[in-house]
Amino acid sequence: MDEEIGEEADKHGMTYSQYVRQALRESMGTPFECDDAVLCVDENGQNQRNGKGAV
């Protein structure tokens, strides 16, 4: 995969990093399943979903 990314970057006249950043910007999804992602937990690792926003 690494070599393929480098080859595609060369085809488009970009550096490896530029190509990866552009691909991420244009990406509409993720290959990972994130059905119930938890973005933060308290110091005890507890998921505190209380439905309130920032105060």
N, C-alpha and C. Protein backbone atom coordinates (compact mmCIF):
# COMPACT_ATOMS: atom_id res chain seq x y z
N MET A 1 0.82 -1.18 0.00
CA MET A 1 0.00 0.00 0.00
C MET A 1 0.87 1.25 0.00
N ASP A 2 1.93 1.24 0.77
CA ASP A 2 2.83 2.40 0.85
C ASP A 2 3.39 2.76 -0.52
N GLU A 3 3.79 1.75 -1.27
CA GLU A 3 4.35 2.00 -2.61
C GLU A 3 3.27 2.57 -3.54
N GLU A 4 2.05 2.05 -3.43
CA GLU A 4 0.95 2.54 -4.27
C GLU A 4 0.65 4.01 -3.98
N ILE A 5 0.69 4.40 -2.72
CA ILE A 5 0.46 5.80 -2.37
C ILE A 5 1.54 6.67 -2.98
N GLY A 6 2.79 6.23 -2.89
CA GLY A 6 3.89 6.98 -3.48
C GLY A 6 3.75 7.12 -4.99
N GLU A 7 3.33 6.04 -5.65
CA GLU A 7 3.15 6.07 -7.10
C GLU A 7 2.03 7.04 -7.49
N GLU A 8 0.92 7.00 -6.76
CA GLU A 8 -0.20 7.90 -7.05
C GLU A 8 0.21 9.36 -6.81
N ALA A 9 0.97 9.60 -5.76
CA ALA A 9 1.45 10.95 -5.49
C ALA A 9 2.29 11.46 -6.65
N ASP A 10 3.19 10.61 -7.15
CA ASP A 10 4.03 10.99 -8.29
C ASP A 10 3.20 11.30 -9.52
N LYS A 11 2.17 10.49 -9.76
CA LYS A 11 1.30 10.70 -10.93
C LYS A 11 0.65 12.08 -10.89
N HIS A 12 0.35 12.55 -9.70
CA HIS A 12 -0.34 13.83 -9.54
C HIS A 12 0.60 14.99 -9.24
N GLY A 13 1.90 14.73 -9.30
CA GLY A 13 2.88 15.79 -9.07
C GLY A 13 2.88 16.30 -7.63
N MET A 14 2.61 15.40 -6.70
CA MET A 14 2.54 15.78 -5.29
C MET A 14 3.56 14.97 -4.49
N THR A 15 3.90 15.51 -3.32
CA THR A 15 4.71 14.71 -2.41
C THR A 15 3.81 13.68 -1.76
N TYR A 16 4.41 12.72 -1.12
CA TYR A 16 3.67 11.67 -0.42
C TYR A 16 2.71 12.29 0.60
N SER A 17 3.24 13.20 1.42
CA SER A 17 2.43 13.83 2.46
C SER A 17 1.29 14.66 1.88
N GLN A 18 1.57 15.41 0.82
CA GLN A 18 0.51 16.21 0.19
C GLN A 18 -0.61 15.31 -0.32
N TYR A 19 -0.24 14.20 -0.93
CA TYR A 19 -1.23 13.29 -1.48
C TYR A 19 -2.10 12.68 -0.37
N VAL A 20 -1.47 12.26 0.71
CA VAL A 20 -2.22 11.67 1.83
C VAL A 20 -3.17 12.70 2.43
N ARG A 21 -2.71 13.93 2.64
CA ARG A 21 -3.58 14.98 3.18
C ARG A 21 -4.77 15.24 2.26
N GLN A 22 -4.52 15.31 0.97
CA GLN A 22 -5.59 15.55 0.01
C GLN A 22 -6.58 14.40 0.01
N ALA A 23 -6.10 13.17 0.05
CA ALA A 23 -6.98 12.01 0.07
C ALA A 23 -7.85 12.02 1.33
N LEU A 24 -7.28 12.40 2.45
CA LEU A 24 -8.06 12.47 3.69
C LEU A 24 -9.12 13.57 3.63
N ARG A 25 -8.77 14.69 3.04
CA ARG A 25 -9.74 15.79 2.92
C ARG A 25 -10.93 15.39 2.06
N GLU A 26 -10.66 14.62 1.01
CA GLU A 26 -11.71 14.25 0.06
C GLU A 26 -12.48 13.02 0.50
N SER A 27 -12.02 12.34 1.52
CA SER A 27 -12.66 11.11 1.98
C SER A 27 -14.04 11.41 2.54
N MET A 28 -15.02 10.65 2.14
CA MET A 28 -16.39 10.84 2.61
C MET A 28 -16.75 9.88 3.73
N GLY A 29 -15.89 8.97 4.06
CA GLY A 29 -16.22 7.99 5.08
C GLY A 29 -14.98 7.40 5.71
N THR A 30 -15.15 6.30 6.38
CA THR A 30 -14.05 5.63 7.03
C THR A 30 -14.21 4.13 6.83
N PRO A 31 -13.11 3.42 6.73
CA PRO A 31 -13.21 1.96 6.60
C PRO A 31 -13.49 1.28 7.94
N PHE A 32 -13.56 2.05 9.02
CA PHE A 32 -13.76 1.50 10.34
C PHE A 32 -15.21 1.60 10.75
N GLU A 33 -15.68 0.64 11.48
CA GLU A 33 -17.05 0.68 11.98
C GLU A 33 -17.07 1.50 13.25
N CYS A 34 -17.86 2.56 13.25
CA CYS A 34 -17.94 3.47 14.40
C CYS A 34 -19.40 3.68 14.79
N ASP A 35 -20.12 2.59 15.02
CA ASP A 35 -21.54 2.69 15.31
C ASP A 35 -21.83 3.50 16.57
N ASP A 36 -21.09 3.28 17.64
CA ASP A 36 -21.36 3.96 18.90
C ASP A 36 -20.05 4.49 19.48
N ALA A 37 -19.44 5.40 18.77
CA ALA A 37 -18.15 5.93 19.20
C ALA A 37 -18.31 6.79 20.44
N VAL A 38 -17.40 6.64 21.38
CA VAL A 38 -17.38 7.44 22.59
C VAL A 38 -16.20 8.40 22.47
N LEU A 39 -16.50 9.69 22.45
CA LEU A 39 -15.45 10.68 22.23
C LEU A 39 -14.75 11.09 23.51
N CYS A 40 -15.38 10.91 24.65
CA CYS A 40 -14.70 11.26 25.90
C CYS A 40 -15.26 10.43 27.05
N VAL A 41 -14.42 10.24 28.01
CA VAL A 41 -14.79 9.53 29.23
C VAL A 41 -14.23 10.30 30.41
N ASP A 42 -14.74 10.01 31.61
CA ASP A 42 -14.21 10.70 32.78
C ASP A 42 -12.90 10.06 33.22
N GLU A 43 -12.33 10.55 34.31
CA GLU A 43 -11.03 10.07 34.76
C GLU A 43 -11.04 8.60 35.17
N ASN A 44 -12.22 8.03 35.39
CA ASN A 44 -12.35 6.62 35.76
C ASN A 44 -12.66 5.74 34.56
N GLY A 45 -12.68 6.34 33.38
CA GLY A 45 -12.99 5.59 32.18
C GLY A 45 -14.48 5.36 31.98
N GLN A 46 -15.30 6.09 32.74
CA GLN A 46 -16.76 5.95 32.65
C GLN A 46 -17.30 6.83 31.53
N ASN A 47 -18.19 6.25 30.75
CA ASN A 47 -18.86 7.01 29.69
C ASN A 47 -20.00 7.79 30.33
N GLN A 48 -19.94 9.09 30.31
CA GLN A 48 -20.94 9.94 30.95
C GLN A 48 -21.82 10.59 29.90
N ARG A 49 -22.78 9.88 29.36
CA ARG A 49 -23.69 10.43 28.37
C ARG A 49 -24.92 10.98 29.06
N ASN A 50 -24.89 12.25 29.38
CA ASN A 50 -26.03 12.84 30.05
C ASN A 50 -26.87 13.72 29.13
N GLY A 51 -26.49 13.82 27.88
CA GLY A 51 -27.28 14.57 26.91
C GLY A 51 -27.12 16.07 26.98
N LYS A 52 -26.27 16.56 27.86
CA LYS A 52 -26.07 18.00 27.98
C LYS A 52 -24.87 18.44 27.16
N GLY A 53 -24.98 19.62 26.59
CA GLY A 53 -23.86 20.20 25.85
C GLY A 53 -22.95 20.97 26.77
N ALA A 54 -22.04 21.71 26.19
CA ALA A 54 -21.11 22.51 26.98
C ALA A 54 -21.89 23.60 27.72
N VAL A 55 -21.48 23.85 28.94
CA VAL A 55 -22.17 24.86 29.77
C VAL A 55 -21.33 26.10 29.85
